[in-house]
Amino acid sequence: MRTQVTEMFGLPVYTDRAVFIGNVDDVVLDVDQKKIAALAIGDLNPEIGEVKGYNGLQIPFRIVKSVGDIIIVRHIPGLFRSPAKEEQS
């Protein structure tokens, strides 16, 4: 998975279960290890759950599965709540 860091800005982020999380606002770099540490996500989907007053969310880059026209991350139960499951409750 090779891409320019600047190409990630503004990309929509989804889980591998098709839950929209938000858009990439920034990239957090680990300069010492010369790698991406996390993605800073803004414009959060209000249906994914409580964000406790924050305007954004940092997603560890280790859970990123794919980067292309969109970014796909591993779905973590409890962190990214599926809107369809909430409606059934």
PDB file of N, CA and C in Angstrom:
ATOM      1  N   MET A   1       0.860  -1.162   0.000  1.00  0.00           N
ATOM      2  CA  MET A   1       0.000   0.000   0.000  1.00  0.00           C
ATOM      3  C   MET A   1       0.906   1.224   0.000  1.00  0.00           C
ATOM      4  N   ARG A   2       1.145   1.793  -1.162  1.00  0.00           N
ATOM      5  CA  ARG A   2       1.978   2.994  -1.276  1.00  0.00           C
ATOM      6  C   ARG A   2       1.131   4.122  -1.847  1.00  0.00           C
ATOM      7  N   THR A   3       1.201   5.259  -1.173  1.00  0.00           N
ATOM      8  CA  THR A   3       0.481   6.437  -1.629  1.00  0.00           C
ATOM      9  C   THR A   3       1.160   7.663  -1.022  1.00  0.00           C
ATOM     10  N   GLN A   4       0.956   8.797  -1.616  1.00  0.00           N
ATOM     11  CA  GLN A   4       1.474  10.042  -1.066  1.00  0.00           C
ATOM     12  C   GLN A   4       0.576  10.473   0.100  1.00  0.00           C
ATOM     13  N   VAL A   5       1.181  10.976   1.147  1.00  0.00           N
ATOM     14  CA  VAL A   5       0.419  11.413   2.314  1.00  0.00           C
ATOM     15  C   VAL A   5      -0.595  12.483   1.923  1.00  0.00           C
ATOM     16  N   THR A   6      -0.191  13.402   1.077  1.00  0.00           N
ATOM     17  CA  THR A   6      -1.094  14.499   0.698  1.00  0.00           C
ATOM     18  C   THR A   6      -2.312  14.011  -0.075  1.00  0.00           C
ATOM     19  N   GLU A   7      -2.239  12.844  -0.693  1.00  0.00           N
ATOM     20  CA  GLU A   7      -3.378  12.304  -1.431  1.00  0.00           C
ATOM     21  C   GLU A   7      -4.473  11.783  -0.506  1.00  0.00           C
ATOM     22  N   MET A   8      -4.163  11.602   0.775  1.00  0.00           N
ATOM     23  CA  MET A   8      -5.144  11.085   1.724  1.00  0.00           C
ATOM     24  C   MET A   8      -6.063  12.164   2.278  1.00  0.00           C
ATOM     25  N   PHE A   9      -5.629  13.437   2.233  1.00  0.00           N
ATOM     26  CA  PHE A   9      -6.441  14.511   2.786  1.00  0.00           C
ATOM     27  C   PHE A   9      -7.793  14.593   2.080  1.00  0.00           C
ATOM     28  N   GLY A  10      -8.863  14.612   2.856  1.00  0.00           N
ATOM     29  CA  GLY A  10     -10.208  14.735   2.316  1.00  0.00           C
ATOM     30  C   GLY A  10     -10.856  13.425   1.913  1.00  0.00           C
ATOM     31  N   LEU A  11     -10.109  12.318   1.922  1.00  0.00           N
ATOM     32  CA  LEU A  11     -10.698  11.037   1.523  1.00  0.00           C
ATOM     33  C   LEU A  11     -11.713  10.566   2.556  1.00  0.00           C
ATOM     34  N   PRO A  12     -12.832   9.997   2.092  1.00  0.00           N
ATOM     35  CA  PRO A  12     -13.794   9.432   3.038  1.00  0.00           C
ATOM     36  C   PRO A  12     -13.241   8.136   3.639  1.00  0.00           C
ATOM     37  N   VAL A  13     -13.593   7.892   4.902  1.00  0.00           N
ATOM     38  CA  VAL A  13     -13.128   6.702   5.613  1.00  0.00           C
ATOM     39  C   VAL A  13     -14.344   5.850   5.974  1.00  0.00           C
ATOM     40  N   TYR A  14     -14.272   4.565   5.597  1.00  0.00           N
ATOM     41  CA  TYR A  14     -15.330   3.596   5.881  1.00  0.00           C
ATOM     42  C   TYR A  14     -14.734   2.394   6.590  1.00  0.00           C
ATOM     43  N   THR A  15     -15.560   1.691   7.368  1.00  0.00           N
ATOM     44  CA  THR A  15     -15.111   0.420   7.927  1.00  0.00           C
ATOM     45  C   THR A  15     -15.319  -0.656   6.866  1.00  0.00           C
ATOM     46  N   ASP A  16     -14.757  -1.832   7.107  1.00  0.00           N
ATOM     47  CA  ASP A  16     -14.949  -2.929   6.167  1.00  0.00           C
ATOM     48  C   ASP A  16     -16.361  -3.511   6.231  1.00  0.00           C
ATOM     49  N   ARG A  17     -17.206  -2.916   7.073  1.00  0.00           N
ATOM     50  CA  ARG A  17     -18.635  -3.265   7.115  1.00  0.00           C
ATOM     51  C   ARG A  17     -19.496  -2.132   6.573  1.00  0.00           C
ATOM     52  N   ALA A  18     -18.871  -1.267   5.785  1.00  0.00           N
ATOM     53  CA  ALA A  18     -19.548  -0.180   5.062  1.00  0.00           C
ATOM     54  C   ALA A  18     -20.158   0.883   5.972  1.00  0.00           C
ATOM     55  N   VAL A  19     -19.547   1.132   7.118  1.00  0.00           N
ATOM     56  CA  VAL A  19     -19.995   2.203   8.007  1.00  0.00           C
ATOM     57  C   VAL A  19     -19.116   3.419   7.726  1.00  0.00           C
ATOM     58  N   PHE A  20     -19.752   4.539   7.323  1.00  0.00           N
ATOM     59  CA  PHE A  20     -19.017   5.778   7.081  1.00  0.00           C
ATOM     60  C   PHE A  20     -18.579   6.368   8.406  1.00  0.00           C
ATOM     61  N   ILE A  21     -17.286   6.708   8.513  1.00  0.00           N
ATOM     62  CA  ILE A  21     -16.762   7.292   9.745  1.00  0.00           C
ATOM     63  C   ILE A  21     -16.608   8.797   9.615  1.00  0.00           C
ATOM     64  N   GLY A  22     -15.983   9.254   8.537  1.00  0.00           N
ATOM     65  CA  GLY A  22     -15.749  10.680   8.328  1.00  0.00           C
ATOM     66  C   GLY A  22     -14.719  10.871   7.234  1.00  0.00           C
ATOM     67  N   ASN A  23     -14.105  12.054   7.185  1.00  0.00           N
ATOM     68  CA  ASN A  23     -13.112  12.366   6.159  1.00  0.00           C
ATOM     69  C   ASN A  23     -11.761  12.654   6.813  1.00  0.00           C
ATOM     70  N   VAL A  24     -10.693  12.338   6.105  1.00  0.00           N
ATOM     71  CA  VAL A  24      -9.342  12.563   6.630  1.00  0.00           C
ATOM     72  C   VAL A  24      -9.060  14.062   6.658  1.00  0.00           C
ATOM     73  N   ASP A  25      -8.765  14.570   7.856  1.00  0.00           N
ATOM     74  CA  ASP A  25      -8.387  15.968   8.021  1.00  0.00           C
ATOM     75  C   ASP A  25      -6.874  16.126   8.059  1.00  0.00           C
ATOM     76  N   ASP A  26      -6.197  15.150   8.648  1.00  0.00           N
ATOM     77  CA  ASP A  26      -4.755  15.250   8.818  1.00  0.00           C
ATOM     78  C   ASP A  26      -4.169  13.858   8.994  1.00  0.00           C
ATOM     79  N   VAL A  27      -2.850  13.785   8.875  1.00  0.00           N
ATOM     80  CA  VAL A  27      -2.118  12.539   9.054  1.00  0.00           C
ATOM     81  C   VAL A  27      -1.101  12.765  10.166  1.00  0.00           C
ATOM     82  N   VAL A  28      -1.101  11.860  11.146  1.00  0.00           N
ATOM     83  CA  VAL A  28      -0.170  11.948  12.258  1.00  0.00           C
ATOM     84  C   VAL A  28       1.035  11.076  11.929  1.00  0.00           C
ATOM     85  N   LEU A  29       2.229  11.693  11.904  1.00  0.00           N
ATOM     86  CA  LEU A  29       3.442  10.968  11.538  1.00  0.00           C
ATOM     87  C   LEU A  29       4.269  10.621  12.770  1.00  0.00           C
ATOM     88  N   ASP A  30       4.893   9.439  12.742  1.00  0.00           N
ATOM     89  CA  ASP A  30       5.888   9.051  13.733  1.00  0.00           C
ATOM     90  C   ASP A  30       7.233   9.282  13.060  1.00  0.00           C
ATOM     91  N   VAL A  31       7.836  10.427  13.331  1.00  0.00           N
ATOM     92  CA  VAL A  31       9.058  10.839  12.651  1.00  0.00           C
ATOM     93  C   VAL A  31      10.222   9.914  12.993  1.00  0.00           C
ATOM     94  N   ASP A  32      10.303   9.465  14.243  1.00  0.00           N
ATOM     95  CA  ASP A  32      11.403   8.596  14.651  1.00  0.00           C
ATOM     96  C   ASP A  32      11.409   7.272  13.879  1.00  0.00           C
ATOM     97  N   GLN A  33      10.220   6.695  13.671  1.00  0.00           N
ATOM     98  CA  GLN A  33      10.131   5.416  12.973  1.00  0.00           C
ATOM     99  C   GLN A  33       9.841   5.581  11.484  1.00  0.00           C
ATOM    100  N   LYS A  34       9.672   6.823  11.045  1.00  0.00           N
ATOM    101  CA  LYS A  34       9.430   7.141   9.632  1.00  0.00           C
ATOM    102  C   LYS A  34       8.217   6.395   9.072  1.00  0.00           C
ATOM    103  N   LYS A  35       7.088   6.537   9.790  1.00  0.00           N
ATOM    104  CA  LYS A  35       5.853   5.910   9.330  1.00  0.00           C
ATOM    105  C   LYS A  35       4.651   6.720   9.794  1.00  0.00           C
ATOM    106  N   ILE A  36       3.496   6.403   9.227  1.00  0.00           N
ATOM    107  CA  ILE A  36       2.246   7.049   9.619  1.00  0.00           C
ATOM    108  C   ILE A  36       1.757   6.395  10.903  1.00  0.00           C
ATOM    109  N   ALA A  37       1.456   7.198  11.909  1.00  0.00           N
ATOM    110  CA  ALA A  37       0.971   6.676  13.192  1.00  0.00           C
ATOM    111  C   ALA A  37      -0.557   6.574  13.225  1.00  0.00           C
ATOM    112  N   ALA A  38      -1.232   7.602  12.685  1.00  0.00           N
ATOM    113  CA  ALA A  38      -2.696   7.631  12.757  1.00  0.00           C
ATOM    114  C   ALA A  38      -3.255   8.572  11.703  1.00  0.00           C
ATOM    115  N   LEU A  39      -4.555   8.438  11.467  1.00  0.00           N
ATOM    116  CA  LEU A  39      -5.285   9.369  10.612  1.00  0.00           C
ATOM    117  C   LEU A  39      -6.203  10.189  11.508  1.00  0.00           C
ATOM    118  N   ALA A  40      -6.184  11.492  11.351  1.00  0.00           N
ATOM    119  CA  ALA A  40      -7.089  12.375  12.083  1.00  0.00           C
ATOM    120  C   ALA A  40      -8.333  12.557  11.231  1.00  0.00           C
ATOM    121  N   ILE A  41      -9.471  12.142  11.771  1.00  0.00           N
ATOM    122  CA  ILE A  41     -10.727  12.140  11.022  1.00  0.00           C
ATOM    123  C   ILE A  41     -11.628  13.259  11.529  1.00  0.00           C
ATOM    124  N   GLY A  42     -12.164  14.034  10.616  1.00  0.00           N
ATOM    125  CA  GLY A  42     -13.117  15.093  10.932  1.00  0.00           C
ATOM    126  C   GLY A  42     -14.420  14.843  10.197  1.00  0.00           C
ATOM    127  N   ASP A  43     -15.341  15.760  10.270  1.00  0.00           N
ATOM    128  CA  ASP A  43     -16.669  15.599   9.654  1.00  0.00           C
ATOM    129  C   ASP A  43     -17.244  14.239  10.009  1.00  0.00           C
ATOM    130  N   LEU A  44     -17.223  13.911  11.291  1.00  0.00           N
ATOM    131  CA  LEU A  44     -17.634  12.587  11.745  1.00  0.00           C
ATOM    132  C   LEU A  44     -19.105  12.315  11.490  1.00  0.00           C
ATOM    133  N   ASN A  45     -19.385  11.077  11.158  1.00  0.00           N
ATOM    134  CA  ASN A  45     -20.743  10.602  10.987  1.00  0.00           C
ATOM    135  C   ASN A  45     -21.400  10.572  12.367  1.00  0.00           C
ATOM    136  N   PRO A  46     -22.449  11.369  12.598  1.00  0.00           N
ATOM    137  CA  PRO A  46     -23.060  11.411  13.930  1.00  0.00           C
ATOM    138  C   PRO A  46     -23.742  10.102  14.318  1.00  0.00           C
ATOM    139  N   GLU A  47     -23.982   9.234  13.359  1.00  0.00           N
ATOM    140  CA  GLU A  47     -24.670   7.980  13.642  1.00  0.00           C
ATOM    141  C   GLU A  47     -23.747   6.883  14.173  1.00  0.00           C
ATOM    142  N   ILE A  48     -22.431   7.110  14.195  1.00  0.00           N
ATOM    143  CA  ILE A  48     -21.535   6.041  14.657  1.00  0.00           C
ATOM    144  C   ILE A  48     -21.427   5.990  16.166  1.00  0.00           C
ATOM    145  N   GLY A  49     -21.948   6.964  16.854  1.00  0.00           N
ATOM    146  CA  GLY A  49     -21.941   6.909  18.312  1.00  0.00           C
ATOM    147  C   GLY A  49     -21.433   8.173  18.949  1.00  0.00           C
ATOM    148  N   GLU A  50     -21.337   8.118  20.245  1.00  0.00           N
ATOM    149  CA  GLU A  50     -20.876   9.254  21.032  1.00  0.00           C
ATOM    150  C   GLU A  50     -19.389   9.483  20.817  1.00  0.00           C
ATOM    151  N   VAL A  51     -19.011  10.729  20.573  1.00  0.00           N
ATOM    152  CA  VAL A  51     -17.605  11.080  20.433  1.00  0.00           C
ATOM    153  C   VAL A  51     -17.177  11.933  21.624  1.00  0.00           C
ATOM    154  N   LYS A  52     -18.060  12.122  22.583  1.00  0.00           N
ATOM    155  CA  LYS A  52     -17.776  12.813  23.842  1.00  0.00           C
ATOM    156  C   LYS A  52     -17.204  14.208  23.662  1.00  0.00           C
ATOM    157  N   GLY A  53     -17.869  15.024  22.850  1.00  0.00           N
ATOM    158  CA  GLY A  53     -17.499  16.420  22.731  1.00  0.00           C
ATOM    159  C   GLY A  53     -16.331  16.725  21.812  1.00  0.00           C
ATOM    160  N   TYR A  54     -15.752  15.716  21.195  1.00  0.00           N
ATOM    161  CA  TYR A  54     -14.626  15.956  20.295  1.00  0.00           C
ATOM    162  C   TYR A  54     -15.124  16.242  18.892  1.00  0.00           C
ATOM    163  N   ASN A  55     -14.369  17.060  18.158  1.00  0.00           N
ATOM    164  CA  ASN A  55     -14.715  17.365  16.776  1.00  0.00           C
ATOM    165  C   ASN A  55     -14.108  16.364  15.807  1.00  0.00           C
ATOM    166  N   GLY A  56     -13.231  15.512  16.289  1.00  0.00           N
ATOM    167  CA  GLY A  56     -12.554  14.563  15.419  1.00  0.00           C
ATOM    168  C   GLY A  56     -12.203  13.290  16.158  1.00  0.00           C
ATOM    169  N   LEU A  57     -11.491  12.445  15.452  1.00  0.00           N
ATOM    170  CA  LEU A  57     -11.136  11.137  15.963  1.00  0.00           C
ATOM    171  C   LEU A  57      -9.815  10.726  15.331  1.00  0.00           C
ATOM    172  N   GLN A  58      -8.939  10.109  16.100  1.00  0.00           N
ATOM    173  CA  GLN A  58      -7.702   9.574  15.535  1.00  0.00           C
ATOM    174  C   GLN A  58      -7.842   8.072  15.397  1.00  0.00           C
ATOM    175  N   ILE A  59      -7.584   7.590  14.194  1.00  0.00           N
ATOM    176  CA  ILE A  59      -7.654   6.163  13.926  1.00  0.00           C
ATOM    177  C   ILE A  59      -6.230   5.657  13.723  1.00  0.00           C
ATOM    178  N   PRO A  60      -5.795   4.672  14.512  1.00  0.00           N
ATOM    179  CA  PRO A  60      -4.444   4.133  14.340  1.00  0.00           C
ATOM    180  C   PRO A  60      -4.263   3.585  12.923  1.00  0.00           C
ATOM    181  N   PHE A  61      -3.138   3.896  12.324  1.00  0.00           N
ATOM    182  CA  PHE A  61      -2.914   3.478  10.946  1.00  0.00           C
ATOM    183  C   PHE A  61      -2.808   1.961  10.818  1.00  0.00           C
ATOM    184  N   ARG A  62      -2.520   1.265  11.908  1.00  0.00           N
ATOM    185  CA  ARG A  62      -2.395  -0.196  11.844  1.00  0.00           C
ATOM    186  C   ARG A  62      -3.719  -0.883  11.517  1.00  0.00           C
ATOM    187  N   ILE A  63      -4.877  -0.185  11.705  1.00  0.00           N
ATOM    188  CA  ILE A  63      -6.151  -0.818  11.354  1.00  0.00           C
ATOM    189  C   ILE A  63      -6.622  -0.447   9.949  1.00  0.00           C
ATOM    190  N   VAL A  64      -5.821   0.336   9.224  1.00  0.00           N
ATOM    191  CA  VAL A  64      -6.161   0.674   7.837  1.00  0.00           C
ATOM    192  C   VAL A  64      -5.919  -0.553   6.963  1.00  0.00           C
ATOM    193  N   LYS A  65      -6.946  -0.933   6.210  1.00  0.00           N
ATOM    194  CA  LYS A  65      -6.837  -2.101   5.344  1.00  0.00           C
ATOM    195  C   LYS A  65      -6.495  -1.725   3.907  1.00  0.00           C
ATOM    196  N   SER A  66      -7.010  -0.572   3.451  1.00  0.00           N
ATOM    197  CA  SER A  66      -6.831  -0.205   2.046  1.00  0.00           C
ATOM    198  C   SER A  66      -6.947   1.305   1.874  1.00  0.00           C
ATOM    199  N   VAL A  67      -6.123   1.836   0.962  1.00  0.00           N
ATOM    200  CA  VAL A  67      -6.178   3.255   0.613  1.00  0.00           C
ATOM    201  C   VAL A  67      -6.300   3.341  -0.901  1.00  0.00           C
ATOM    202  N   GLY A  68      -7.315   4.033  -1.377  1.00  0.00           N
ATOM    203  CA  GLY A  68      -7.546   4.230  -2.805  1.00  0.00           C
ATOM    204  C   GLY A  68      -8.389   5.481  -2.970  1.00  0.00           C
ATOM    205  N   ASP A  69      -9.536   5.333  -3.634  1.00  0.00           N
ATOM    206  CA  ASP A  69     -10.475   6.442  -3.747  1.00  0.00           C
ATOM    207  C   ASP A  69     -11.145   6.722  -2.405  1.00  0.00           C
ATOM    208  N   ILE A  70     -11.194   5.691  -1.560  1.00  0.00           N
ATOM    209  CA  ILE A  70     -11.653   5.812  -0.184  1.00  0.00           C
ATOM    210  C   ILE A  70     -10.643   5.070   0.693  1.00  0.00           C
ATOM    211  N   ILE A  71     -10.764   5.239   2.000  1.00  0.00           N
ATOM    212  CA  ILE A  71      -9.918   4.502   2.934  1.00  0.00           C
ATOM    213  C   ILE A  71     -10.815   3.533   3.688  1.00  0.00           C
ATOM    214  N   ILE A  72     -10.385   2.281   3.746  1.00  0.00           N
ATOM    215  CA  ILE A  72     -11.136   1.249   4.445  1.00  0.00           C
ATOM    216  C   ILE A  72     -10.331   0.816   5.667  1.00  0.00           C
ATOM    217  N   VAL A  73     -11.007   0.831   6.827  1.00  0.00           N
ATOM    218  CA  VAL A  73     -10.365   0.410   8.064  1.00  0.00           C
ATOM    219  C   VAL A  73     -11.091  -0.805   8.627  1.00  0.00           C
ATOM    220  N   ARG A  74     -10.394  -1.536   9.469  1.00  0.00           N
ATOM    221  CA  ARG A  74     -10.989  -2.706  10.115  1.00  0.00           C
ATOM    222  C   ARG A  74     -12.095  -2.237  11.059  1.00  0.00           C
ATOM    223  N   HIS A  75     -13.226  -2.903  11.004  1.00  0.00           N
ATOM    224  CA  HIS A  75     -14.352  -2.567  11.878  1.00  0.00           C
ATOM    225  C   HIS A  75     -14.046  -3.064  13.283  1.00  0.00           C
ATOM    226  N   ILE A  76     -14.180  -2.179  14.264  1.00  0.00           N
ATOM    227  CA  ILE A  76     -13.953  -2.555  15.656  1.00  0.00           C
ATOM    228  C   ILE A  76     -15.284  -2.418  16.389  1.00  0.00           C
ATOM    229  N   PRO A  77     -15.887  -3.548  16.781  1.00  0.00           N
ATOM    230  CA  PRO A  77     -17.165  -3.482  17.492  1.00  0.00           C
ATOM    231  C   PRO A  77     -17.039  -2.623  18.742  1.00  0.00           C
ATOM    232  N   GLY A  78     -18.031  -1.796  18.962  1.00  0.00           N
ATOM    233  CA  GLY A  78     -18.018  -0.909  20.119  1.00  0.00           C
ATOM    234  C   GLY A  78     -17.470   0.468  19.803  1.00  0.00           C
ATOM    235  N   LEU A  79     -16.522   0.551  18.861  1.00  0.00           N
ATOM    236  CA  LEU A  79     -15.975   1.847  18.483  1.00  0.00           C
ATOM    237  C   LEU A  79     -16.787   2.459  17.349  1.00  0.00           C
ATOM    238  N   PHE A  80     -17.114   1.632  16.357  1.00  0.00           N
ATOM    239  CA  PHE A  80     -17.901   2.095  15.213  1.00  0.00           C
ATOM    240  C   PHE A  80     -19.227   1.345  15.216  1.00  0.00           C
ATOM    241  N   ARG A  81     -20.243   1.999  15.736  1.00  0.00           N
ATOM    242  CA  ARG A  81     -21.559   1.385  15.839  1.00  0.00           C
ATOM    243  C   ARG A  81     -22.278   1.481  14.502  1.00  0.00           C
ATOM    244  N   SER A  82     -22.852   0.393  14.064  1.00  0.00           N
ATOM    245  CA  SER A  82     -23.586   0.358  12.806  1.00  0.00           C
ATOM    246  C   SER A  82     -24.954   1.001  12.987  1.00  0.00           C
ATOM    247  N   PRO A  83     -25.306   2.009  12.146  1.00  0.00           N
ATOM    248  CA  PRO A  83     -26.615   2.671  12.279  1.00  0.00           C
ATOM    249  C   PRO A  83     -27.782   1.710  12.121  1.00  0.00           C
ATOM    250  N   ALA A  84     -27.667   0.695  11.265  1.00  0.00           N
ATOM    251  CA  ALA A  84     -28.758  -0.253  11.036  1.00  0.00           C
ATOM    252  C   ALA A  84     -29.078  -1.037  12.307  1.00  0.00           C
ATOM    253  N   LYS A  85     -28.062  -1.408  13.081  1.00  0.00           N
ATOM    254  CA  LYS A  85     -28.278  -2.149  14.312  1.00  0.00           C
ATOM    255  C   LYS A  85     -28.952  -1.288  15.365  1.00  0.00           C
ATOM    256  N   GLU A  86     -28.672  -0.001  15.380  1.00  0.00           N
ATOM    257  CA  GLU A  86     -29.296   0.911  16.348  1.00  0.00           C
ATOM    258  C   GLU A  86     -30.784   1.033  16.100  1.00  0.00           C
ATOM    259  N   GLU A  87     -31.197   1.023  14.823  1.00  0.00           N
ATOM    260  CA  GLU A  87     -32.616   1.181  14.492  1.00  0.00           C
ATOM    261  C   GLU A  87     -33.409  -0.030  14.926  1.00  0.00           C
ATOM    262  N   GLN A  88     -32.765  -1.216  14.956  1.00  0.00           N
ATOM    263  CA  GLN A  88     -33.462  -2.449  15.340  1.00  0.00           C
ATOM    264  C   GLN A  88     -33.707  -2.501  16.837  1.00  0.00           C
ATOM    265  N   SER A  89     -32.917  -1.804  17.638  1.00  0.00           N
ATOM    266  CA  SER A  89     -33.045  -1.852  19.104  1.00  0.00           C
ATOM    267  C   SER A  89     -34.326  -1.219  19.587  1.00  0.00           C
TER     268      SER A  89
END
